[in-house]
Amino acid sequence: MIRESKPGRYGDGNGLYLMIPKAGAAYWMCRYTFAGKRRGMSLGKYSHLSLAEAREQWLRLRRRFVAVKTLLPSANVKKK
């Protein structure tokens, strides 16, 4: 199924995406905003992580980001 899909970014919701590159293996990626900047982080290859596992990893990471934002108010401020 993945091999037949067009290259691109396919969203699952809440910042979780399945990335299908033109060449290479598909992988899970999450997108988030930290210190006013949009960032992305790879969670692992599609062949190694199921959708449920990717969602679980992303949920754990989001909880960490919330904790950091709570502890570091400067993380919420965009630098000029």
PDB file of N, CA and C in Angstrom:
ATOM      1  N   MET A   1       0.824  -1.191   0.000  1.00  0.00           N
ATOM      2  CA  MET A   1       0.000   0.000   0.000  1.00  0.00           C
ATOM      3  C   MET A   1       0.867   1.254   0.000  1.00  0.00           C
ATOM      4  N   ILE A   2       1.890   1.296   0.850  1.00  0.00           N
ATOM      5  CA  ILE A   2       2.745   2.482   0.935  1.00  0.00           C
ATOM      6  C   ILE A   2       3.532   2.675  -0.367  1.00  0.00           C
ATOM      7  N   ARG A   3       3.977   1.610  -0.974  1.00  0.00           N
ATOM      8  CA  ARG A   3       4.766   1.716  -2.204  1.00  0.00           C
ATOM      9  C   ARG A   3       3.952   2.297  -3.348  1.00  0.00           C
ATOM     10  N   GLU A   4       2.629   2.110  -3.300  1.00  0.00           N
ATOM     11  CA  GLU A   4       1.755   2.623  -4.345  1.00  0.00           C
ATOM     12  C   GLU A   4       1.370   4.089  -4.117  1.00  0.00           C
ATOM     13  N   SER A   5       1.620   4.605  -2.936  1.00  0.00           N
ATOM     14  CA  SER A   5       1.239   5.977  -2.601  1.00  0.00           C
ATOM     15  C   SER A   5       2.196   6.985  -3.228  1.00  0.00           C
ATOM     16  N   LYS A   6       1.671   8.169  -3.463  1.00  0.00           N
ATOM     17  CA  LYS A   6       2.497   9.249  -3.996  1.00  0.00           C
ATOM     18  C   LYS A   6       3.368   9.806  -2.886  1.00  0.00           C
ATOM     19  N   PRO A   7       4.568  10.292  -3.225  1.00  0.00           N
ATOM     20  CA  PRO A   7       5.416  10.932  -2.211  1.00  0.00           C
ATOM     21  C   PRO A   7       4.703  12.145  -1.617  1.00  0.00           C
ATOM     22  N   GLY A   8       4.906  12.361  -0.332  1.00  0.00           N
ATOM     23  CA  GLY A   8       4.290  13.508   0.327  1.00  0.00           C
ATOM     24  C   GLY A   8       4.172  13.302   1.820  1.00  0.00           C
ATOM     25  N   ARG A   9       3.431  14.206   2.440  1.00  0.00           N
ATOM     26  CA  ARG A   9       3.212  14.182   3.892  1.00  0.00           C
ATOM     27  C   ARG A   9       1.727  13.913   4.135  1.00  0.00           C
ATOM     28  N   TYR A  10       1.448  12.851   4.871  1.00  0.00           N
ATOM     29  CA  TYR A  10       0.075  12.450   5.133  1.00  0.00           C
ATOM     30  C   TYR A  10      -0.195  12.575   6.625  1.00  0.00           C
ATOM     31  N   GLY A  11      -1.068  13.496   7.002  1.00  0.00           N
ATOM     32  CA  GLY A  11      -1.341  13.800   8.402  1.00  0.00           C
ATOM     33  C   GLY A  11      -2.317  12.832   9.052  1.00  0.00           C
ATOM     34  N   ASP A  12      -2.025  12.493  10.294  1.00  0.00           N
ATOM     35  CA  ASP A  12      -2.910  11.661  11.106  1.00  0.00           C
ATOM     36  C   ASP A  12      -3.693  12.522  12.090  1.00  0.00           C
ATOM     37  N   GLY A  13      -3.238  13.727  12.302  1.00  0.00           N
ATOM     38  CA  GLY A  13      -3.881  14.630  13.246  1.00  0.00           C
ATOM     39  C   GLY A  13      -2.963  14.955  14.397  1.00  0.00           C
ATOM     40  N   ASN A  14      -3.142  16.125  14.984  1.00  0.00           N
ATOM     41  CA  ASN A  14      -2.356  16.571  16.141  1.00  0.00           C
ATOM     42  C   ASN A  14      -0.857  16.583  15.896  1.00  0.00           C
ATOM     43  N   GLY A  15      -0.443  16.815  14.661  1.00  0.00           N
ATOM     44  CA  GLY A  15       0.980  16.974  14.378  1.00  0.00           C
ATOM     45  C   GLY A  15       1.732  15.716  14.009  1.00  0.00           C
ATOM     46  N   LEU A  16       1.069  14.577  13.848  1.00  0.00           N
ATOM     47  CA  LEU A  16       1.724  13.331  13.455  1.00  0.00           C
ATOM     48  C   LEU A  16       1.531  13.118  11.958  1.00  0.00           C
ATOM     49  N   TYR A  17       2.624  12.798  11.257  1.00  0.00           N
ATOM     50  CA  TYR A  17       2.577  12.632   9.808  1.00  0.00           C
ATOM     51  C   TYR A  17       3.318  11.372   9.382  1.00  0.00           C
ATOM     52  N   LEU A  18       2.838  10.768   8.314  1.00  0.00           N
ATOM     53  CA  LEU A  18       3.569   9.710   7.627  1.00  0.00           C
ATOM     54  C   LEU A  18       4.222  10.371   6.426  1.00  0.00           C
ATOM     55  N   MET A  19       5.538  10.346   6.386  1.00  0.00           N
ATOM     56  CA  MET A  19       6.295  10.965   5.301  1.00  0.00           C
ATOM     57  C   MET A  19       6.681   9.884   4.301  1.00  0.00           C
ATOM     58  N   ILE A  20       6.349  10.118   3.037  1.00  0.00           N
ATOM     59  CA  ILE A  20       6.729   9.192   1.982  1.00  0.00           C
ATOM     60  C   ILE A  20       7.633   9.951   1.015  1.00  0.00           C
ATOM     61  N   PRO A  21       8.948   9.707   1.087  1.00  0.00           N
ATOM     62  CA  PRO A  21       9.886  10.405   0.207  1.00  0.00           C
ATOM     63  C   PRO A  21       9.861   9.814  -1.207  1.00  0.00           C
ATOM     64  N   LYS A  22      10.423  10.555  -2.158  1.00  0.00           N
ATOM     65  CA  LYS A  22      10.516  10.052  -3.534  1.00  0.00           C
ATOM     66  C   LYS A  22      11.404   8.813  -3.583  1.00  0.00           C
ATOM     67  N   ALA A  23      12.453   8.820  -2.798  1.00  0.00           N
ATOM     68  CA  ALA A  23      13.359   7.672  -2.724  1.00  0.00           C
ATOM     69  C   ALA A  23      13.598   7.355  -1.252  1.00  0.00           C
ATOM     70  N   GLY A  24      13.642   6.094  -0.917  1.00  0.00           N
ATOM     71  CA  GLY A  24      13.889   5.716   0.465  1.00  0.00           C
ATOM     72  C   GLY A  24      12.634   5.209   1.143  1.00  0.00           C
ATOM     73  N   ALA A  25      12.776   4.918   2.408  1.00  0.00           N
ATOM     74  CA  ALA A  25      11.693   4.307   3.177  1.00  0.00           C
ATOM     75  C   ALA A  25      10.777   5.356   3.805  1.00  0.00           C
ATOM     76  N   ALA A  26       9.507   5.026   3.916  1.00  0.00           N
ATOM     77  CA  ALA A  26       8.537   5.895   4.585  1.00  0.00           C
ATOM     78  C   ALA A  26       8.842   5.935   6.083  1.00  0.00           C
ATOM     79  N   TYR A  27       8.541   7.081   6.714  1.00  0.00           N
ATOM     80  CA  TYR A  27       8.822   7.232   8.137  1.00  0.00           C
ATOM     81  C   TYR A  27       7.777   8.117   8.792  1.00  0.00           C
ATOM     82  N   TRP A  28       7.684   7.989  10.118  1.00  0.00           N
ATOM     83  CA  TRP A  28       6.776   8.811  10.919  1.00  0.00           C
ATOM     84  C   TRP A  28       7.506  10.069  11.368  1.00  0.00           C
ATOM     85  N   MET A  29       6.809  11.195  11.330  1.00  0.00           N
ATOM     86  CA  MET A  29       7.391  12.471  11.720  1.00  0.00           C
ATOM     87  C   MET A  29       6.348  13.259  12.505  1.00  0.00           C
ATOM     88  N   CYS A  30       6.806  13.995  13.498  1.00  0.00           N
ATOM     89  CA  CYS A  30       5.899  14.880  14.226  1.00  0.00           C
ATOM     90  C   CYS A  30       6.361  16.311  14.019  1.00  0.00           C
ATOM     91  N   ARG A  31       5.416  17.221  13.999  1.00  0.00           N
ATOM     92  CA  ARG A  31       5.711  18.653  13.857  1.00  0.00           C
ATOM     93  C   ARG A  31       5.169  19.372  15.076  1.00  0.00           C
ATOM     94  N   TYR A  32       5.940  20.338  15.558  1.00  0.00           N
ATOM     95  CA  TYR A  32       5.557  21.062  16.762  1.00  0.00           C
ATOM     96  C   TYR A  32       6.181  22.449  16.730  1.00  0.00           C
ATOM     97  N   THR A  33       5.736  23.319  17.612  1.00  0.00           N
ATOM     98  CA  THR A  33       6.289  24.661  17.738  1.00  0.00           C
ATOM     99  C   THR A  33       6.963  24.767  19.097  1.00  0.00           C
ATOM    100  N   PHE A  34       8.195  25.237  19.093  1.00  0.00           N
ATOM    101  CA  PHE A  34       8.942  25.429  20.331  1.00  0.00           C
ATOM    102  C   PHE A  34       9.710  26.730  20.226  1.00  0.00           C
ATOM    103  N   ALA A  35       9.576  27.577  21.230  1.00  0.00           N
ATOM    104  CA  ALA A  35      10.218  28.893  21.267  1.00  0.00           C
ATOM    105  C   ALA A  35       9.884  29.691  20.014  1.00  0.00           C
ATOM    106  N   GLY A  36       8.639  29.561  19.552  1.00  0.00           N
ATOM    107  CA  GLY A  36       8.186  30.344  18.416  1.00  0.00           C
ATOM    108  C   GLY A  36       8.631  29.836  17.058  1.00  0.00           C
ATOM    109  N   LYS A  37       9.301  28.693  17.010  1.00  0.00           N
ATOM    110  CA  LYS A  37       9.774  28.149  15.738  1.00  0.00           C
ATOM    111  C   LYS A  37       9.120  26.804  15.463  1.00  0.00           C
ATOM    112  N   ARG A  38       8.746  26.608  14.211  1.00  0.00           N
ATOM    113  CA  ARG A  38       8.149  25.342  13.782  1.00  0.00           C
ATOM    114  C   ARG A  38       9.265  24.332  13.564  1.00  0.00           C
ATOM    115  N   ARG A  39       9.111  23.162  14.143  1.00  0.00           N
ATOM    116  CA  ARG A  39      10.156  22.139  14.059  1.00  0.00           C
ATOM    117  C   ARG A  39       9.526  20.787  13.732  1.00  0.00           C
ATOM    118  N   GLY A  40      10.367  19.851  13.321  1.00  0.00           N
ATOM    119  CA  GLY A  40       9.924  18.498  13.029  1.00  0.00           C
ATOM    120  C   GLY A  40      10.903  17.492  13.620  1.00  0.00           C
ATOM    121  N   MET A  41      10.372  16.321  13.951  1.00  0.00           N
ATOM    122  CA  MET A  41      11.212  15.278  14.539  1.00  0.00           C
ATOM    123  C   MET A  41      10.768  13.928  13.975  1.00  0.00           C
ATOM    124  N   SER A  42      11.729  13.135  13.525  1.00  0.00           N
ATOM    125  CA  SER A  42      11.428  11.800  13.032  1.00  0.00           C
ATOM    126  C   SER A  42      11.233  10.860  14.209  1.00  0.00           C
ATOM    127  N   LEU A  43      10.215  10.013  14.125  1.00  0.00           N
ATOM    128  CA  LEU A  43       9.940   9.050  15.187  1.00  0.00           C
ATOM    129  C   LEU A  43      10.445   7.654  14.844  1.00  0.00           C
ATOM    130  N   GLY A  44      10.581   7.357  13.573  1.00  0.00           N
ATOM    131  CA  GLY A  44      11.058   6.046  13.151  1.00  0.00           C
ATOM    132  C   GLY A  44      10.462   5.635  11.816  1.00  0.00           C
ATOM    133  N   LYS A  45      11.020   4.589  11.233  1.00  0.00           N
ATOM    134  CA  LYS A  45      10.558   4.108   9.941  1.00  0.00           C
ATOM    135  C   LYS A  45       9.195   3.444  10.057  1.00  0.00           C
ATOM    136  N   TYR A  46       8.433   3.551   8.999  1.00  0.00           N
ATOM    137  CA  TYR A  46       7.102   2.957   8.929  1.00  0.00           C
ATOM    138  C   TYR A  46       7.170   1.444   9.139  1.00  0.00           C
ATOM    139  N   SER A  47       8.216   0.819   8.626  1.00  0.00           N
ATOM    140  CA  SER A  47       8.337  -0.636   8.748  1.00  0.00           C
ATOM    141  C   SER A  47       8.638  -1.088  10.179  1.00  0.00           C
ATOM    142  N   HIS A  48       9.128  -0.158  11.025  1.00  0.00           N
ATOM    143  CA  HIS A  48       9.477  -0.506  12.410  1.00  0.00           C
ATOM    144  C   HIS A  48       8.438  -0.058  13.436  1.00  0.00           C
ATOM    145  N   LEU A  49       7.580   0.879  13.065  1.00  0.00           N
ATOM    146  CA  LEU A  49       6.580   1.428  13.991  1.00  0.00           C
ATOM    147  C   LEU A  49       5.188   1.343  13.384  1.00  0.00           C
ATOM    148  N   SER A  50       4.256   0.789  14.133  1.00  0.00           N
ATOM    149  CA  SER A  50       2.869   0.800  13.677  1.00  0.00           C
ATOM    150  C   SER A  50       2.282   2.188  13.935  1.00  0.00           C
ATOM    151  N   LEU A  51       1.113   2.436  13.406  1.00  0.00           N
ATOM    152  CA  LEU A  51       0.432   3.706  13.651  1.00  0.00           C
ATOM    153  C   LEU A  51       0.182   3.886  15.141  1.00  0.00           C
ATOM    154  N   ALA A  52      -0.257   2.840  15.819  1.00  0.00           N
ATOM    155  CA  ALA A  52      -0.520   2.935  17.263  1.00  0.00           C
ATOM    156  C   ALA A  52       0.749   3.266  18.040  1.00  0.00           C
ATOM    157  N   GLU A  53       1.870   2.656  17.672  1.00  0.00           N
ATOM    158  CA  GLU A  53       3.143   2.933  18.350  1.00  0.00           C
ATOM    159  C   GLU A  53       3.614   4.358  18.082  1.00  0.00           C
ATOM    160  N   ALA A  54       3.454   4.825  16.852  1.00  0.00           N
ATOM    161  CA  ALA A  54       3.838   6.196  16.517  1.00  0.00           C
ATOM    162  C   ALA A  54       2.987   7.197  17.292  1.00  0.00           C
ATOM    163  N   ARG A  55       1.688   6.928  17.407  1.00  0.00           N
ATOM    164  CA  ARG A  55       0.805   7.807  18.173  1.00  0.00           C
ATOM    165  C   ARG A  55       1.211   7.838  19.644  1.00  0.00           C
ATOM    166  N   GLU A  56       1.563   6.684  20.186  1.00  0.00           N
ATOM    167  CA  GLU A  56       1.968   6.602  21.589  1.00  0.00           C
ATOM    168  C   GLU A  56       3.262   7.381  21.831  1.00  0.00           C
ATOM    169  N   GLN A  57       4.239   7.218  20.941  1.00  0.00           N
ATOM    170  CA  GLN A  57       5.500   7.967  21.076  1.00  0.00           C
ATOM    171  C   GLN A  57       5.257   9.470  21.000  1.00  0.00           C
ATOM    172  N   TRP A  58       4.422   9.892  20.058  1.00  0.00           N
ATOM    173  CA  TRP A  58       4.146  11.314  19.885  1.00  0.00           C
ATOM    174  C   TRP A  58       3.416  11.871  21.106  1.00  0.00           C
ATOM    175  N   LEU A  59       2.504  11.099  21.681  1.00  0.00           N
ATOM    176  CA  LEU A  59       1.802  11.534  22.886  1.00  0.00           C
ATOM    177  C   LEU A  59       2.779  11.737  24.042  1.00  0.00           C
ATOM    178  N   ARG A  60       3.722  10.810  24.213  1.00  0.00           N
ATOM    179  CA  ARG A  60       4.734  10.952  25.273  1.00  0.00           C
ATOM    180  C   ARG A  60       5.605  12.183  25.040  1.00  0.00           C
ATOM    181  N   LEU A  61       6.004  12.422  23.793  1.00  0.00           N
ATOM    182  CA  LEU A  61       6.819  13.606  23.481  1.00  0.00           C
ATOM    183  C   LEU A  61       6.049  14.896  23.738  1.00  0.00           C
ATOM    184  N   ARG A  62       4.775  14.931  23.355  1.00  0.00           N
ATOM    185  CA  ARG A  62       3.968  16.132  23.585  1.00  0.00           C
ATOM    186  C   ARG A  62       3.854  16.436  25.069  1.00  0.00           C
ATOM    187  N   ARG A  63       3.705  15.404  25.879  1.00  0.00           N
ATOM    188  CA  ARG A  63       3.649  15.620  27.332  1.00  0.00           C
ATOM    189  C   ARG A  63       4.953  16.218  27.836  1.00  0.00           C
ATOM    190  N   ARG A  64       6.072  15.769  27.324  1.00  0.00           N
ATOM    191  CA  ARG A  64       7.371  16.347  27.719  1.00  0.00           C
ATOM    192  C   ARG A  64       7.463  17.810  27.314  1.00  0.00           C
ATOM    193  N   PHE A  65       7.009  18.133  26.092  1.00  0.00           N
ATOM    194  CA  PHE A  65       7.061  19.519  25.629  1.00  0.00           C
ATOM    195  C   PHE A  65       6.212  20.421  26.511  1.00  0.00           C
ATOM    196  N   VAL A  66       5.052  19.946  26.911  1.00  0.00           N
ATOM    197  CA  VAL A  66       4.183  20.734  27.794  1.00  0.00           C
ATOM    198  C   VAL A  66       4.882  20.962  29.131  1.00  0.00           C
ATOM    199  N   ALA A  67       5.536  19.929  29.659  1.00  0.00           N
ATOM    200  CA  ALA A  67       6.258  20.067  30.931  1.00  0.00           C
ATOM    201  C   ALA A  67       7.382  21.087  30.809  1.00  0.00           C
ATOM    202  N   VAL A  68       8.114  21.056  29.710  1.00  0.00           N
ATOM    203  CA  VAL A  68       9.217  22.004  29.509  1.00  0.00           C
ATOM    204  C   VAL A  68       8.677  23.424  29.393  1.00  0.00           C
ATOM    205  N   LYS A  69       7.592  23.611  28.662  1.00  0.00           N
ATOM    206  CA  LYS A  69       7.005  24.948  28.524  1.00  0.00           C
ATOM    207  C   LYS A  69       6.523  25.476  29.866  1.00  0.00           C
ATOM    208  N   THR A  70       6.035  24.583  30.719  1.00  0.00           N
ATOM    209  CA  THR A  70       5.577  24.983  32.047  1.00  0.00           C
ATOM    210  C   THR A  70       6.754  25.402  32.922  1.00  0.00           C
ATOM    211  N   LEU A  71       7.858  24.671  32.825  1.00  0.00           N
ATOM    212  CA  LEU A  71       9.027  24.954  33.655  1.00  0.00           C
ATOM    213  C   LEU A  71       9.858  26.124  33.127  1.00  0.00           C
ATOM    214  N   LEU A  72       9.855  26.311  31.808  1.00  0.00           N
ATOM    215  CA  LEU A  72      10.665  27.360  31.196  1.00  0.00           C
ATOM    216  C   LEU A  72       9.759  28.366  30.469  1.00  0.00           C
ATOM    217  N   PRO A  73       9.304  29.394  31.168  1.00  0.00           N
ATOM    218  CA  PRO A  73       8.439  30.367  30.513  1.00  0.00           C
ATOM    219  C   PRO A  73       9.074  31.007  29.282  1.00  0.00           C
ATOM    220  N   SER A  74      10.403  31.070  29.245  1.00  0.00           N
ATOM    221  CA  SER A  74      11.080  31.660  28.089  1.00  0.00           C
ATOM    222  C   SER A  74      10.895  30.833  26.843  1.00  0.00           C
ATOM    223  N   ALA A  75      10.520  29.553  26.975  1.00  0.00           N
ATOM    224  CA  ALA A  75      10.278  28.701  25.811  1.00  0.00           C
ATOM    225  C   ALA A  75       9.033  29.125  25.066  1.00  0.00           C
ATOM    226  N   ASN A  76       8.160  29.887  25.713  1.00  0.00           N
ATOM    227  CA  ASN A  76       6.922  30.351  25.076  1.00  0.00           C
ATOM    228  C   ASN A  76       7.096  31.673  24.343  1.00  0.00           C
ATOM    229  N   VAL A  77       8.248  32.308  24.512  1.00  0.00           N
ATOM    230  CA  VAL A  77       8.485  33.621  23.924  1.00  0.00           C
ATOM    231  C   VAL A  77       9.315  33.472  22.658  1.00  0.00           C
ATOM    232  N   LYS A  78       8.853  34.108  21.598  1.00  0.00           N
ATOM    233  CA  LYS A  78       9.603  34.080  20.344  1.00  0.00           C
ATOM    234  C   LYS A  78      10.756  35.057  20.445  1.00  0.00           C
ATOM    235  N   LYS A  79      11.955  34.581  20.095  1.00  0.00           N
ATOM    236  CA  LYS A  79      13.142  35.447  20.129  1.00  0.00           C
ATOM    237  C   LYS A  79      13.166  36.335  18.905  1.00  0.00           C
ATOM    238  N   LYS A  80      13.634  37.563  19.105  1.00  0.00           N
ATOM    239  CA  LYS A  80      13.710  38.527  17.987  1.00  0.00           C
ATOM    240  C   LYS A  80      15.089  38.541  17.384  1.00  0.00           C
TER     241      LYS A  80
END
